Amino acid sequence: MYEDLFFRKAELEDILESEAKVDRENLLEQLNALNKALGNAQVVLDPLVDQWEKDLAAGRMPDLDAKVAKE
């Protein structure tokens, strides 16, 4: 069961990092539930911070005053 949870967590993270249009809120809830089941304290709930991290990873300066567009 642990391996299944671990691999599902990796799948969700890959989907969230992709540029595909997805229901981010639902995926974030699933990811948080998996983190809890795996005993990780990491909570992923802030789409604005996620956008900043995505911008930084792409080499862009994040707009700290911007609002995140729902995908």
PDB file of N, CA and C in Angstrom:
ATOM      1  N   MET A   1       0.821  -1.183   0.000  1.00  0.00           N
ATOM      2  CA  MET A   1       0.000   0.000   0.000  1.00  0.00           C
ATOM      3  C   MET A   1       0.872   1.257   0.000  1.00  0.00           C
ATOM      4  N   TYR A   2       1.959   1.236   0.762  1.00  0.00           N
ATOM      5  CA  TYR A   2       2.837   2.407   0.818  1.00  0.00           C
ATOM      6  C   TYR A   2       3.356   2.758  -0.571  1.00  0.00           C
ATOM      7  N   GLU A   3       3.765   1.740  -1.320  1.00  0.00           N
ATOM      8  CA  GLU A   3       4.288   1.989  -2.662  1.00  0.00           C
ATOM      9  C   GLU A   3       3.221   2.608  -3.557  1.00  0.00           C
ATOM     10  N   ASP A   4       1.991   2.140  -3.453  1.00  0.00           N
ATOM     11  CA  ASP A   4       0.903   2.705  -4.242  1.00  0.00           C
ATOM     12  C   ASP A   4       0.708   4.184  -3.918  1.00  0.00           C
ATOM     13  N   LEU A   5       0.702   4.506  -2.630  1.00  0.00           N
ATOM     14  CA  LEU A   5       0.544   5.897  -2.212  1.00  0.00           C
ATOM     15  C   LEU A   5       1.708   6.748  -2.695  1.00  0.00           C
ATOM     16  N   PHE A   6       2.909   6.213  -2.568  1.00  0.00           N
ATOM     17  CA  PHE A   6       4.108   6.938  -2.973  1.00  0.00           C
ATOM     18  C   PHE A   6       4.073   7.244  -4.479  1.00  0.00           C
ATOM     19  N   PHE A   7       3.712   6.242  -5.289  1.00  0.00           N
ATOM     20  CA  PHE A   7       3.668   6.450  -6.738  1.00  0.00           C
ATOM     21  C   PHE A   7       2.524   7.382  -7.131  1.00  0.00           C
ATOM     22  N   ARG A   8       1.389   7.295  -6.450  1.00  0.00           N
ATOM     23  CA  ARG A   8       0.265   8.203  -6.748  1.00  0.00           C
ATOM     24  C   ARG A   8       0.659   9.637  -6.410  1.00  0.00           C
ATOM     25  N   LYS A   9       1.405   9.813  -5.306  1.00  0.00           N
ATOM     26  CA  LYS A   9       1.865  11.156  -4.928  1.00  0.00           C
ATOM     27  C   LYS A   9       2.749  11.728  -6.032  1.00  0.00           C
ATOM     28  N   ALA A  10       3.649  10.920  -6.568  1.00  0.00           N
ATOM     29  CA  ALA A  10       4.523  11.371  -7.648  1.00  0.00           C
ATOM     30  C   ALA A  10       3.711  11.725  -8.893  1.00  0.00           C
ATOM     31  N   GLU A  11       2.687  10.939  -9.191  1.00  0.00           N
ATOM     32  CA  GLU A  11       1.827  11.228 -10.349  1.00  0.00           C
ATOM     33  C   GLU A  11       1.124  12.568 -10.171  1.00  0.00           C
ATOM     34  N   LEU A  12       0.569  12.804  -8.991  1.00  0.00           N
ATOM     35  CA  LEU A  12      -0.129  14.067  -8.732  1.00  0.00           C
ATOM     36  C   LEU A  12       0.819  15.251  -8.839  1.00  0.00           C
ATOM     37  N   GLU A  13       2.023  15.105  -8.302  1.00  0.00           N
ATOM     38  CA  GLU A  13       2.998  16.196  -8.387  1.00  0.00           C
ATOM     39  C   GLU A  13       3.371  16.490  -9.838  1.00  0.00           C
ATOM     40  N   ASP A  14       3.513  15.448 -10.641  1.00  0.00           N
ATOM     41  CA  ASP A  14       3.830  15.649 -12.060  1.00  0.00           C
ATOM     42  C   ASP A  14       2.697  16.365 -12.780  1.00  0.00           C
ATOM     43  N   ILE A  15       1.471  15.980 -12.492  1.00  0.00           N
ATOM     44  CA  ILE A  15       0.314  16.622 -13.122  1.00  0.00           C
ATOM     45  C   ILE A  15       0.247  18.088 -12.724  1.00  0.00           C
ATOM     46  N   LEU A  16       0.465  18.373 -11.447  1.00  0.00           N
ATOM     47  CA  LEU A  16       0.400  19.759 -10.970  1.00  0.00           C
ATOM     48  C   LEU A  16       1.510  20.617 -11.570  1.00  0.00           C
ATOM     49  N   GLU A  17       2.676  20.021 -11.828  1.00  0.00           N
ATOM     50  CA  GLU A  17       3.792  20.778 -12.388  1.00  0.00           C
ATOM     51  C   GLU A  17       3.665  20.967 -13.903  1.00  0.00           C
ATOM     52  N   SER A  18       2.824  20.175 -14.532  1.00  0.00           N
ATOM     53  CA  SER A  18       2.653  20.296 -15.978  1.00  0.00           C
ATOM     54  C   SER A  18       1.842  21.555 -16.289  1.00  0.00           C
ATOM     55  N   GLU A  19       1.842  21.917 -17.515  1.00  0.00           N
ATOM     56  CA  GLU A  19       1.097  23.094 -17.954  1.00  0.00           C
ATOM     57  C   GLU A  19      -0.332  22.736 -18.347  1.00  0.00           C
ATOM     58  N   ALA A  20      -0.732  21.493 -18.146  1.00  0.00           N
ATOM     59  CA  ALA A  20      -2.069  21.046 -18.518  1.00  0.00           C
ATOM     60  C   ALA A  20      -3.126  21.748 -17.674  1.00  0.00           C
ATOM     61  N   LYS A  21      -4.285  21.960 -18.277  1.00  0.00           N
ATOM     62  CA  LYS A  21      -5.394  22.550 -17.534  1.00  0.00           C
ATOM     63  C   LYS A  21      -6.049  21.450 -16.719  1.00  0.00           C
ATOM     64  N   VAL A  22      -5.975  21.609 -15.411  1.00  0.00           N
ATOM     65  CA  VAL A  22      -6.502  20.608 -14.494  1.00  0.00           C
ATOM     66  C   VAL A  22      -7.242  21.297 -13.353  1.00  0.00           C
ATOM     67  N   ASP A  23      -7.993  20.536 -12.612  1.00  0.00           N
ATOM     68  CA  ASP A  23      -8.666  21.042 -11.416  1.00  0.00           C
ATOM     69  C   ASP A  23      -7.647  21.043 -10.279  1.00  0.00           C
ATOM     70  N   ARG A  24      -6.912  22.141 -10.164  1.00  0.00           N
ATOM     71  CA  ARG A  24      -5.818  22.217  -9.202  1.00  0.00           C
ATOM     72  C   ARG A  24      -6.281  22.029  -7.760  1.00  0.00           C
ATOM     73  N   GLU A  25      -7.427  22.607  -7.411  1.00  0.00           N
ATOM     74  CA  GLU A  25      -7.885  22.497  -6.026  1.00  0.00           C
ATOM     75  C   GLU A  25      -8.122  21.042  -5.648  1.00  0.00           C
ATOM     76  N   ASN A  26      -8.752  20.286  -6.531  1.00  0.00           N
ATOM     77  CA  ASN A  26      -9.010  18.872  -6.269  1.00  0.00           C
ATOM     78  C   ASN A  26      -7.693  18.104  -6.156  1.00  0.00           C
ATOM     79  N   LEU A  27      -6.759  18.366  -7.064  1.00  0.00           N
ATOM     80  CA  LEU A  27      -5.479  17.667  -7.025  1.00  0.00           C
ATOM     81  C   LEU A  27      -4.688  18.024  -5.772  1.00  0.00           C
ATOM     82  N   LEU A  28      -4.756  19.281  -5.348  1.00  0.00           N
ATOM     83  CA  LEU A  28      -4.052  19.690  -4.129  1.00  0.00           C
ATOM     84  C   LEU A  28      -4.656  19.003  -2.902  1.00  0.00           C
ATOM     85  N   GLU A  29      -5.981  18.863  -2.880  1.00  0.00           N
ATOM     86  CA  GLU A  29      -6.618  18.161  -1.769  1.00  0.00           C
ATOM     87  C   GLU A  29      -6.170  16.704  -1.734  1.00  0.00           C
ATOM     88  N   GLN A  30      -6.117  16.070  -2.913  1.00  0.00           N
ATOM     89  CA  GLN A  30      -5.664  14.683  -2.981  1.00  0.00           C
ATOM     90  C   GLN A  30      -4.212  14.560  -2.524  1.00  0.00           C
ATOM     91  N   LEU A  31      -3.384  15.502  -2.964  1.00  0.00           N
ATOM     92  CA  LEU A  31      -1.975  15.474  -2.588  1.00  0.00           C
ATOM     93  C   LEU A  31      -1.808  15.648  -1.086  1.00  0.00           C
ATOM     94  N   ASN A  32      -2.576  16.544  -0.486  1.00  0.00           N
ATOM     95  CA  ASN A  32      -2.506  16.735   0.961  1.00  0.00           C
ATOM     96  C   ASN A  32      -2.939  15.482   1.704  1.00  0.00           C
ATOM     97  N   ALA A  33      -3.987  14.807   1.213  1.00  0.00           N
ATOM     98  CA  ALA A  33      -4.436  13.571   1.844  1.00  0.00           C
ATOM     99  C   ALA A  33      -3.363  12.490   1.737  1.00  0.00           C
ATOM    100  N   LEU A  34      -2.701  12.407   0.588  1.00  0.00           N
ATOM    101  CA  LEU A  34      -1.625  11.427   0.423  1.00  0.00           C
ATOM    102  C   LEU A  34      -0.451  11.739   1.342  1.00  0.00           C
ATOM    103  N   ASN A  35      -0.092  13.011   1.437  1.00  0.00           N
ATOM    104  CA  ASN A  35       0.993  13.401   2.339  1.00  0.00           C
ATOM    105  C   ASN A  35       0.671  12.995   3.769  1.00  0.00           C
ATOM    106  N   LYS A  36      -0.573  13.220   4.177  1.00  0.00           N
ATOM    107  CA  LYS A  36      -0.984  12.851   5.533  1.00  0.00           C
ATOM    108  C   LYS A  36      -0.915  11.336   5.722  1.00  0.00           C
ATOM    109  N   ALA A  37      -1.391  10.576   4.727  1.00  0.00           N
ATOM    110  CA  ALA A  37      -1.372   9.114   4.811  1.00  0.00           C
ATOM    111  C   ALA A  37       0.055   8.566   4.859  1.00  0.00           C
ATOM    112  N   LEU A  38       0.966   9.267   4.182  1.00  0.00           N
ATOM    113  CA  LEU A  38       2.364   8.839   4.158  1.00  0.00           C
ATOM    114  C   LEU A  38       3.141   9.320   5.382  1.00  0.00           C
ATOM    115  N   GLY A  39       2.499  10.134   6.228  1.00  0.00           N
ATOM    116  CA  GLY A  39       3.156  10.625   7.429  1.00  0.00           C
ATOM    117  C   GLY A  39       3.981  11.874   7.199  1.00  0.00           C
ATOM    118  N   ASN A  40       3.788  12.515   6.058  1.00  0.00           N
ATOM    119  CA  ASN A  40       4.508  13.761   5.764  1.00  0.00           C
ATOM    120  C   ASN A  40       3.700  14.943   6.265  1.00  0.00           C
ATOM    121  N   ALA A  41       4.379  15.909   6.810  1.00  0.00           N
ATOM    122  CA  ALA A  41       3.701  17.098   7.312  1.00  0.00           C
ATOM    123  C   ALA A  41       3.529  18.161   6.228  1.00  0.00           C
ATOM    124  N   GLN A  42       4.072  17.910   5.050  1.00  0.00           N
ATOM    125  CA  GLN A  42       4.018  18.900   3.971  1.00  0.00           C
ATOM    126  C   GLN A  42       2.582  19.111   3.515  1.00  0.00           C
ATOM    127  N   VAL A  43       2.139  20.366   3.559  1.00  0.00           N
ATOM    128  CA  VAL A  43       0.807  20.726   3.093  1.00  0.00           C
ATOM    129  C   VAL A  43       0.966  21.667   1.913  1.00  0.00           C
ATOM    130  N   VAL A  44       0.242  21.378   0.845  1.00  0.00           N
ATOM    131  CA  VAL A  44       0.313  22.186  -0.365  1.00  0.00           C
ATOM    132  C   VAL A  44      -1.052  22.806  -0.571  1.00  0.00           C
ATOM    133  N   LEU A  45      -1.178  24.094  -0.278  1.00  0.00           N
ATOM    134  CA  LEU A  45      -2.481  24.732  -0.399  1.00  0.00           C
ATOM    135  C   LEU A  45      -2.450  26.110  -1.040  1.00  0.00           C
ATOM    136  N   ASP A  46      -1.305  26.654  -1.297  1.00  0.00           N
ATOM    137  CA  ASP A  46      -1.232  28.029  -1.738  1.00  0.00           C
ATOM    138  C   ASP A  46      -0.914  28.125  -3.224  1.00  0.00           C
ATOM    139  N   PRO A  47      -1.930  28.332  -4.065  1.00  0.00           N
ATOM    140  CA  PRO A  47      -1.686  28.399  -5.502  1.00  0.00           C
ATOM    141  C   PRO A  47      -0.825  29.595  -5.904  1.00  0.00           C
ATOM    142  N   LEU A  48      -0.846  30.674  -5.133  1.00  0.00           N
ATOM    143  CA  LEU A  48      -0.027  31.842  -5.454  1.00  0.00           C
ATOM    144  C   LEU A  48       1.452  31.503  -5.293  1.00  0.00           C
ATOM    145  N   VAL A  49       1.802  30.849  -4.210  1.00  0.00           N
ATOM    146  CA  VAL A  49       3.189  30.438  -3.993  1.00  0.00           C
ATOM    147  C   VAL A  49       3.598  29.411  -5.049  1.00  0.00           C
ATOM    148  N   ASP A  50       2.669  28.521  -5.395  1.00  0.00           N
ATOM    149  CA  ASP A  50       2.945  27.554  -6.465  1.00  0.00           C
ATOM    150  C   ASP A  50       3.281  28.278  -7.766  1.00  0.00           C
ATOM    151  N   GLN A  51       2.539  29.334  -8.073  1.00  0.00           N
ATOM    152  CA  GLN A  51       2.801  30.106  -9.293  1.00  0.00           C
ATOM    153  C   GLN A  51       4.166  30.784  -9.222  1.00  0.00           C
ATOM    154  N   TRP A  52       4.511  31.328  -8.071  1.00  0.00           N
ATOM    155  CA  TRP A  52       5.828  31.954  -7.911  1.00  0.00           C
ATOM    156  C   TRP A  52       6.929  30.929  -8.136  1.00  0.00           C
ATOM    157  N   GLU A  53       6.772  29.739  -7.556  1.00  0.00           N
ATOM    158  CA  GLU A  53       7.788  28.699  -7.731  1.00  0.00           C
ATOM    159  C   GLU A  53       7.893  28.276  -9.186  1.00  0.00           C
ATOM    160  N   LYS A  54       6.753  28.192  -9.870  1.00  0.00           N
ATOM    161  CA  LYS A  54       6.755  27.828 -11.284  1.00  0.00           C
ATOM    162  C   LYS A  54       7.478  28.900 -12.105  1.00  0.00           C
ATOM    163  N   ASP A  55       7.220  30.175 -11.792  1.00  0.00           N
ATOM    164  CA  ASP A  55       7.899  31.272 -12.489  1.00  0.00           C
ATOM    165  C   ASP A  55       9.410  31.219 -12.262  1.00  0.00           C
ATOM    166  N   LEU A  56       9.812  31.008 -11.027  1.00  0.00           N
ATOM    167  CA  LEU A  56      11.238  30.942 -10.714  1.00  0.00           C
ATOM    168  C   LEU A  56      11.905  29.768 -11.429  1.00  0.00           C
ATOM    169  N   ALA A  57      11.227  28.626 -11.465  1.00  0.00           N
ATOM    170  CA  ALA A  57      11.772  27.452 -12.139  1.00  0.00           C
ATOM    171  C   ALA A  57      11.933  27.699 -13.634  1.00  0.00           C
ATOM    172  N   ALA A  58      11.064  28.543 -14.200  1.00  0.00           N
ATOM    173  CA  ALA A  58      11.126  28.850 -15.628  1.00  0.00           C
ATOM    174  C   ALA A  58      12.087  30.008 -15.919  1.00  0.00           C
ATOM    175  N   GLY A  59      12.708  30.552 -14.865  1.00  0.00           N
ATOM    176  CA  GLY A  59      13.661  31.640 -15.056  1.00  0.00           C
ATOM    177  C   GLY A  59      13.018  33.009 -15.151  1.00  0.00           C
ATOM    178  N   ARG A  60      11.731  33.098 -14.802  1.00  0.00           N
ATOM    179  CA  ARG A  60      11.020  34.393 -14.830  1.00  0.00           C
ATOM    180  C   ARG A  60      10.971  34.977 -13.425  1.00  0.00           C
ATOM    181  N   MET A  61      10.899  36.299 -13.364  1.00  0.00           N
ATOM    182  CA  MET A  61      10.729  36.983 -12.086  1.00  0.00           C
ATOM    183  C   MET A  61       9.247  36.913 -11.715  1.00  0.00           C
ATOM    184  N   PRO A  62       8.902  36.328 -10.569  1.00  0.00           N
ATOM    185  CA  PRO A  62       7.481  36.235 -10.208  1.00  0.00           C
ATOM    186  C   PRO A  62       6.894  37.607  -9.903  1.00  0.00           C
ATOM    187  N   ASP A  63       5.637  37.771 -10.290  1.00  0.00           N
ATOM    188  CA  ASP A  63       4.910  39.002  -9.986  1.00  0.00           C
ATOM    189  C   ASP A  63       4.288  38.823  -8.605  1.00  0.00           C
ATOM    190  N   LEU A  64       4.903  39.420  -7.604  1.00  0.00           N
ATOM    191  CA  LEU A  64       4.481  39.216  -6.228  1.00  0.00           C
ATOM    192  C   LEU A  64       3.145  39.879  -5.910  1.00  0.00           C
ATOM    193  N   ASP A  65       2.683  40.761  -6.790  1.00  0.00           N
ATOM    194  CA  ASP A  65       1.393  41.433  -6.578  1.00  0.00           C
ATOM    195  C   ASP A  65       0.263  40.818  -7.391  1.00  0.00           C
ATOM    196  N   ALA A  66       0.571  39.833  -8.210  1.00  0.00           N
ATOM    197  CA  ALA A  66      -0.422  39.248  -9.114  1.00  0.00           C
ATOM    198  C   ALA A  66      -1.314  38.264  -8.396  1.00  0.00           C
ATOM    199  N   LYS A  67      -2.484  38.074  -8.990  1.00  0.00           N
ATOM    200  CA  LYS A  67      -3.385  37.035  -8.509  1.00  0.00           C
ATOM    201  C   LYS A  67      -3.258  35.867  -9.459  1.00  0.00           C
ATOM    202  N   VAL A  68      -3.371  34.685  -8.939  1.00  0.00           N
ATOM    203  CA  VAL A  68      -3.230  33.486  -9.750  1.00  0.00           C
ATOM    204  C   VAL A  68      -4.527  33.234 -10.512  1.00  0.00           C
ATOM    205  N   ALA A  69      -4.380  32.998 -11.808  1.00  0.00           N
ATOM    206  CA  ALA A  69      -5.540  32.635 -12.623  1.00  0.00           C
ATOM    207  C   ALA A  69      -5.850  31.184 -12.373  1.00  0.00           C
ATOM    208  N   LYS A  70      -7.129  30.876 -12.182  1.00  0.00           N
ATOM    209  CA  LYS A  70      -7.514  29.466 -11.990  1.00  0.00           C
ATOM    210  C   LYS A  70      -7.323  28.737 -13.279  1.00  0.00           C
ATOM    211  N   GLU A  71      -6.719  27.539 -13.175  1.00  0.00           N
ATOM    212  CA  GLU A  71      -6.471  26.722 -14.365  1.00  0.00           C
ATOM    213  C   GLU A  71      -7.588  25.764 -14.572  1.00  0.00           C
TER     214      GLU A  71
END
